[in-house]
Amino acid sequence: MIISQTKLFVGWLNWKMRWNDLKTEFSKYGEVVFARVNLDQSTKPPRSKGFGFVEFANADDAAKAKAEMDGQELWGRPIKVDFAKEDPNRISRAAEEKEVVKEEDEDDVTF
């Protein structure tokens, strides 16, 4: 496992929270380039599984957000914030998929 320096795991989220709410809350600490709240699709309407991820443009902002938000109350619940652990095999597969998409997009260009 690789511990990310820019991506945070956020746990114990309120079940009503969505990605845009999470992004708004963490944008106070810097530029958020990605935010996701994992949803339980078996509930109607889908509700949060209680965790998500926030990625910052730089490591200093992520560290500041972790230090200040871990254990703080957000929407009535104390949240857990930590640096995300990423599987290097999954990262390389995602990069390969993006590269394949880029190559396909370049071939399909018409003028």
N, C-alpha and C. Protein backbone atom coordinates (compact mmCIF):
# COMPACT_ATOMS: atom_id res chain seq x y z
N MET A 1 0.83 -1.19 0.00
CA MET A 1 0.00 0.00 0.00
C MET A 1 0.88 1.25 0.00
N ILE A 2 0.40 2.25 -0.71
CA ILE A 2 1.07 3.55 -0.77
C ILE A 2 0.18 4.54 -0.05
N ILE A 3 0.77 5.33 0.84
CA ILE A 3 0.00 6.35 1.54
C ILE A 3 0.09 7.64 0.73
N SER A 4 -1.06 8.11 0.29
CA SER A 4 -1.13 9.32 -0.52
C SER A 4 -0.78 10.55 0.30
N GLN A 5 -0.16 11.52 -0.31
CA GLN A 5 0.16 12.77 0.36
C GLN A 5 -0.86 13.86 0.04
N THR A 6 -1.73 13.60 -0.95
CA THR A 6 -2.71 14.62 -1.36
C THR A 6 -4.16 14.16 -1.23
N LYS A 7 -4.38 12.86 -1.07
CA LYS A 7 -5.74 12.32 -1.01
C LYS A 7 -6.07 11.88 0.41
N LEU A 8 -7.22 12.32 0.90
CA LEU A 8 -7.65 12.01 2.26
C LEU A 8 -8.84 11.07 2.27
N PHE A 9 -8.83 10.14 3.21
CA PHE A 9 -9.99 9.32 3.51
C PHE A 9 -10.78 10.06 4.59
N VAL A 10 -12.10 10.16 4.40
CA VAL A 10 -12.95 10.83 5.39
C VAL A 10 -14.03 9.84 5.80
N GLY A 11 -14.04 9.46 7.07
CA GLY A 11 -14.98 8.48 7.57
C GLY A 11 -15.96 9.05 8.58
N TRP A 12 -17.00 8.27 8.85
CA TRP A 12 -18.06 8.61 9.79
C TRP A 12 -18.88 9.80 9.31
N LEU A 13 -19.07 9.89 8.00
CA LEU A 13 -19.85 10.99 7.42
C LEU A 13 -21.35 10.81 7.68
N ASN A 14 -22.05 11.91 7.72
CA ASN A 14 -23.50 11.91 7.79
C ASN A 14 -24.04 11.24 6.52
N TRP A 15 -25.09 10.43 6.66
CA TRP A 15 -25.61 9.68 5.51
C TRP A 15 -26.24 10.56 4.44
N LYS A 16 -26.54 11.80 4.75
CA LYS A 16 -27.13 12.71 3.76
C LYS A 16 -26.08 13.46 2.95
N MET A 17 -24.82 13.36 3.33
CA MET A 17 -23.76 14.12 2.67
C MET A 17 -23.48 13.58 1.27
N ARG A 18 -23.24 14.50 0.33
CA ARG A 18 -22.89 14.16 -1.04
C ARG A 18 -21.52 14.75 -1.37
N TRP A 19 -21.00 14.42 -2.55
CA TRP A 19 -19.64 14.82 -2.93
C TRP A 19 -19.47 16.33 -2.91
N ASN A 20 -20.47 17.08 -3.40
CA ASN A 20 -20.34 18.54 -3.46
C ASN A 20 -20.31 19.16 -2.06
N ASP A 21 -21.02 18.54 -1.10
CA ASP A 21 -20.98 19.01 0.29
C ASP A 21 -19.59 18.77 0.88
N LEU A 22 -19.04 17.60 0.61
CA LEU A 22 -17.71 17.27 1.10
C LEU A 22 -16.67 18.22 0.51
N LYS A 23 -16.78 18.48 -0.78
CA LYS A 23 -15.85 19.40 -1.45
C LYS A 23 -15.94 20.79 -0.83
N THR A 24 -17.14 21.27 -0.60
CA THR A 24 -17.33 22.59 -0.01
C THR A 24 -16.68 22.68 1.37
N GLU A 25 -16.90 21.67 2.20
CA GLU A 25 -16.35 21.67 3.56
C GLU A 25 -14.83 21.68 3.57
N PHE A 26 -14.22 20.95 2.65
CA PHE A 26 -12.75 20.84 2.64
C PHE A 26 -12.08 21.91 1.80
N SER A 27 -12.82 22.63 0.99
CA SER A 27 -12.24 23.70 0.17
C SER A 27 -11.69 24.85 1.01
N LYS A 28 -12.07 24.89 2.27
CA LYS A 28 -11.55 25.92 3.18
C LYS A 28 -10.04 25.80 3.36
N TYR A 29 -9.49 24.63 3.06
CA TYR A 29 -8.08 24.36 3.31
C TYR A 29 -7.22 24.41 2.06
N GLY A 30 -7.83 24.59 0.90
CA GLY A 30 -7.07 24.66 -0.34
C GLY A 30 -7.89 24.16 -1.51
N GLU A 31 -7.22 24.05 -2.66
CA GLU A 31 -7.91 23.64 -3.88
C GLU A 31 -8.20 22.14 -3.87
N VAL A 32 -9.47 21.80 -3.88
CA VAL A 32 -9.90 20.40 -3.94
C VAL A 32 -10.08 20.04 -5.41
N VAL A 33 -9.34 19.02 -5.85
CA VAL A 33 -9.41 18.61 -7.25
C VAL A 33 -10.33 17.41 -7.46
N PHE A 34 -10.71 16.75 -6.36
CA PHE A 34 -11.56 15.57 -6.45
C PHE A 34 -12.24 15.35 -5.11
N ALA A 35 -13.52 15.02 -5.14
CA ALA A 35 -14.24 14.65 -3.93
C ALA A 35 -15.26 13.58 -4.29
N ARG A 36 -15.37 12.57 -3.43
CA ARG A 36 -16.34 11.50 -3.68
C ARG A 36 -16.89 11.00 -2.35
N VAL A 37 -18.18 10.81 -2.30
CA VAL A 37 -18.83 10.15 -1.18
C VAL A 37 -19.36 8.83 -1.73
N ASN A 38 -18.93 7.72 -1.15
CA ASN A 38 -19.39 6.43 -1.63
C ASN A 38 -20.84 6.22 -1.22
N LEU A 39 -21.68 5.84 -2.19
CA LEU A 39 -23.10 5.69 -1.97
C LEU A 39 -23.54 4.24 -1.97
N ASP A 40 -24.53 3.95 -1.15
CA ASP A 40 -25.17 2.63 -1.11
C ASP A 40 -26.31 2.66 -2.12
N GLN A 41 -26.12 2.00 -3.25
CA GLN A 41 -27.10 2.03 -4.33
C GLN A 41 -28.33 1.17 -4.02
N SER A 42 -28.26 0.34 -2.97
CA SER A 42 -29.40 -0.51 -2.65
C SER A 42 -30.48 0.24 -1.87
N THR A 43 -30.16 1.44 -1.37
CA THR A 43 -31.17 2.24 -0.67
C THR A 43 -31.82 3.19 -1.66
N LYS A 44 -33.07 3.52 -1.43
CA LYS A 44 -33.81 4.43 -2.32
C LYS A 44 -34.28 5.62 -1.51
N PRO A 45 -33.81 6.82 -1.78
CA PRO A 45 -32.73 7.14 -2.70
C PRO A 45 -31.39 6.68 -2.14
N PRO A 46 -30.35 6.57 -3.00
CA PRO A 46 -29.04 6.14 -2.51
C PRO A 46 -28.56 7.07 -1.39
N ARG A 47 -28.00 6.47 -0.34
CA ARG A 47 -27.47 7.30 0.74
C ARG A 47 -26.00 6.97 0.94
N SER A 48 -25.32 7.87 1.60
CA SER A 48 -23.90 7.72 1.86
C SER A 48 -23.63 6.44 2.63
N LYS A 49 -22.52 5.80 2.31
CA LYS A 49 -22.07 4.65 3.09
C LYS A 49 -21.32 5.13 4.34
N GLY A 50 -21.16 6.44 4.46
CA GLY A 50 -20.51 6.99 5.65
C GLY A 50 -19.03 7.29 5.47
N PHE A 51 -18.54 7.17 4.23
CA PHE A 51 -17.14 7.53 4.00
C PHE A 51 -16.96 8.07 2.59
N GLY A 52 -15.84 8.75 2.39
CA GLY A 52 -15.54 9.31 1.09
C GLY A 52 -14.08 9.70 1.00
N PHE A 53 -13.73 10.40 -0.07
CA PHE A 53 -12.36 10.80 -0.32
C PHE A 53 -12.31 12.23 -0.82
N VAL A 54 -11.26 12.95 -0.44
CA VAL A 54 -11.03 14.31 -0.91
C VAL A 54 -9.58 14.38 -1.35
N GLU A 55 -9.34 14.88 -2.56
CA GLU A 55 -7.97 15.04 -3.03
C GLU A 55 -7.68 16.51 -3.26
N PHE A 56 -6.53 16.95 -2.75
CA PHE A 56 -6.10 18.33 -2.86
C PHE A 56 -5.05 18.48 -3.96
N ALA A 57 -4.91 19.70 -4.45
CA ALA A 57 -3.93 19.99 -5.49
C ALA A 57 -2.50 19.86 -4.95
N ASN A 58 -2.32 20.09 -3.63
CA ASN A 58 -0.97 19.95 -3.08
C ASN A 58 -0.99 19.33 -1.69
N ALA A 59 0.14 18.75 -1.32
CA ALA A 59 0.26 17.99 -0.08
C ALA A 59 0.12 18.85 1.17
N ASP A 60 0.59 20.09 1.14
CA ASP A 60 0.50 20.97 2.31
C ASP A 60 -0.96 21.23 2.69
N ASP A 61 -1.80 21.47 1.70
CA ASP A 61 -3.22 21.71 1.97
C ASP A 61 -3.88 20.45 2.53
N ALA A 62 -3.52 19.29 2.00
CA ALA A 62 -4.08 18.04 2.50
C ALA A 62 -3.67 17.81 3.96
N ALA A 63 -2.42 18.07 4.28
CA ALA A 63 -1.93 17.89 5.65
C ALA A 63 -2.64 18.84 6.61
N LYS A 64 -2.84 20.08 6.18
CA LYS A 64 -3.54 21.05 7.02
C LYS A 64 -4.99 20.61 7.26
N ALA A 65 -5.67 20.16 6.21
CA ALA A 65 -7.05 19.71 6.34
C ALA A 65 -7.14 18.51 7.27
N LYS A 66 -6.21 17.57 7.14
CA LYS A 66 -6.21 16.39 8.02
C LYS A 66 -6.04 16.82 9.47
N ALA A 67 -5.06 17.68 9.72
CA ALA A 67 -4.77 18.11 11.08
C ALA A 67 -5.95 18.84 11.72
N GLU A 68 -6.63 19.67 10.93
CA GLU A 68 -7.70 20.48 11.49
C GLU A 68 -9.07 19.81 11.50
N MET A 69 -9.31 18.88 10.59
CA MET A 69 -10.64 18.27 10.48
C MET A 69 -10.78 16.94 11.23
N ASP A 70 -9.68 16.22 11.45
CA ASP A 70 -9.78 14.93 12.12
C ASP A 70 -10.37 15.09 13.51
N GLY A 71 -11.47 14.39 13.75
CA GLY A 71 -12.14 14.44 15.05
C GLY A 71 -13.15 15.57 15.20
N GLN A 72 -13.22 16.46 14.22
CA GLN A 72 -14.16 17.58 14.29
C GLN A 72 -15.58 17.11 13.91
N GLU A 73 -16.55 17.83 14.40
CA GLU A 73 -17.93 17.50 14.07
C GLU A 73 -18.30 18.12 12.72
N LEU A 74 -18.89 17.30 11.86
CA LEU A 74 -19.34 17.75 10.55
C LEU A 74 -20.74 17.21 10.34
N TRP A 75 -21.70 18.09 10.21
CA TRP A 75 -23.10 17.72 10.04
C TRP A 75 -23.58 16.83 11.18
N GLY A 76 -23.15 17.16 12.39
CA GLY A 76 -23.62 16.44 13.57
C GLY A 76 -22.89 15.17 13.92
N ARG A 77 -21.82 14.85 13.19
CA ARG A 77 -21.05 13.63 13.48
C ARG A 77 -19.57 13.94 13.55
N PRO A 78 -18.86 13.37 14.52
CA PRO A 78 -17.40 13.53 14.56
C PRO A 78 -16.79 12.69 13.44
N ILE A 79 -15.96 13.29 12.60
CA ILE A 79 -15.42 12.58 11.44
C ILE A 79 -13.99 12.13 11.70
N LYS A 80 -13.60 11.11 10.97
CA LYS A 80 -12.23 10.60 10.99
C LYS A 80 -11.60 10.97 9.66
N VAL A 81 -10.44 11.65 9.72
CA VAL A 81 -9.74 12.04 8.51
C VAL A 81 -8.32 11.48 8.58
N ASP A 82 -7.91 10.81 7.51
CA ASP A 82 -6.56 10.24 7.45
C ASP A 82 -6.10 10.25 5.99
N PHE A 83 -4.80 10.11 5.80
CA PHE A 83 -4.30 10.02 4.43
C PHE A 83 -4.77 8.70 3.82
N ALA A 84 -5.22 8.75 2.59
CA ALA A 84 -5.74 7.56 1.90
C ALA A 84 -4.61 6.59 1.60
N LYS A 85 -4.92 5.31 1.71
CA LYS A 85 -3.98 4.26 1.35
C LYS A 85 -4.41 3.73 -0.01
N GLU A 86 -3.47 3.71 -0.94
CA GLU A 86 -3.81 3.31 -2.31
C GLU A 86 -3.01 2.08 -2.72
N ASP A 87 -3.67 1.20 -3.43
CA ASP A 87 -3.06 -0.01 -3.94
C ASP A 87 -2.27 0.35 -5.21
N PRO A 88 -0.94 0.12 -5.23
CA PRO A 88 -0.16 0.49 -6.41
C PRO A 88 -0.60 -0.23 -7.68
N ASN A 89 -1.12 -1.46 -7.54
CA ASN A 89 -1.61 -2.19 -8.72
C ASN A 89 -2.84 -1.51 -9.31
N ARG A 90 -3.69 -1.01 -8.45
CA ARG A 90 -4.90 -0.32 -8.91
C ARG A 90 -4.53 1.01 -9.56
N ILE A 91 -3.55 1.70 -9.02
CA ILE A 91 -3.10 2.98 -9.58
C ILE A 91 -2.56 2.77 -10.99
N SER A 92 -1.72 1.73 -11.16
CA SER A 92 -1.13 1.51 -12.48
C SER A 92 -2.18 1.08 -13.50
N ARG A 93 -3.18 0.30 -13.06
CA ARG A 93 -4.27 -0.09 -13.98
C ARG A 93 -5.06 1.13 -14.43
N ALA A 94 -5.33 2.03 -13.49
CA ALA A 94 -6.08 3.25 -13.83
C ALA A 94 -5.29 4.11 -14.82
N ALA A 95 -3.99 4.21 -14.61
CA ALA A 95 -3.15 4.99 -15.52
C ALA A 95 -3.13 4.37 -16.91
N GLU A 96 -3.05 3.03 -16.98
CA GLU A 96 -3.07 2.34 -18.27
C GLU A 96 -4.39 2.58 -18.99
N GLU A 97 -5.50 2.52 -18.26
CA GLU A 97 -6.81 2.75 -18.87
C GLU A 97 -6.92 4.16 -19.43
N LYS A 98 -6.41 5.14 -18.70
CA LYS A 98 -6.43 6.52 -19.19
C LYS A 98 -5.61 6.64 -20.46
N GLU A 99 -4.46 5.97 -20.52
CA GLU A 99 -3.58 6.03 -21.68
C GLU A 99 -4.27 5.40 -22.89
N VAL A 100 -4.96 4.30 -22.69
CA VAL A 100 -5.68 3.64 -23.79
C VAL A 100 -6.77 4.58 -24.31
N VAL A 101 -7.49 5.23 -23.42
CA VAL A 101 -8.54 6.16 -23.83
C VAL A 101 -7.94 7.32 -24.62
N LYS A 102 -6.79 7.84 -24.17
CA LYS A 102 -6.14 8.94 -24.90
C LYS A 102 -5.79 8.51 -26.31
N GLU A 103 -5.19 7.30 -26.44
CA GLU A 103 -4.80 6.81 -27.76
C GLU A 103 -6.03 6.65 -28.65
N GLU A 104 -7.12 6.14 -28.12
CA GLU A 104 -8.34 5.96 -28.92
C GLU A 104 -8.90 7.31 -29.33
N ASP A 105 -8.87 8.28 -28.42
CA ASP A 105 -9.41 9.61 -28.73
C ASP A 105 -8.60 10.27 -29.85
N GLU A 106 -7.28 10.09 -29.82
CA GLU A 106 -6.44 10.71 -30.84
C GLU A 106 -6.73 10.14 -32.22
N ASP A 107 -7.04 8.84 -32.30
CA ASP A 107 -7.32 8.21 -33.59
C ASP A 107 -8.65 8.64 -34.17
N ASP A 108 -9.59 9.04 -33.32
CA ASP A 108 -10.95 9.35 -33.78
C ASP A 108 -11.15 10.83 -34.13
N VAL A 109 -10.11 11.59 -34.19
CA VAL A 109 -10.25 13.02 -34.46
C VAL A 109 -10.57 13.23 -35.93
N THR A 110 -11.63 14.02 -36.21
CA THR A 110 -11.96 14.36 -37.58
C THR A 110 -12.01 15.87 -37.72
N PHE A 111 -11.65 16.37 -38.90
CA PHE A 111 -11.64 17.81 -39.14
C PHE A 111 -12.56 18.17 -40.29
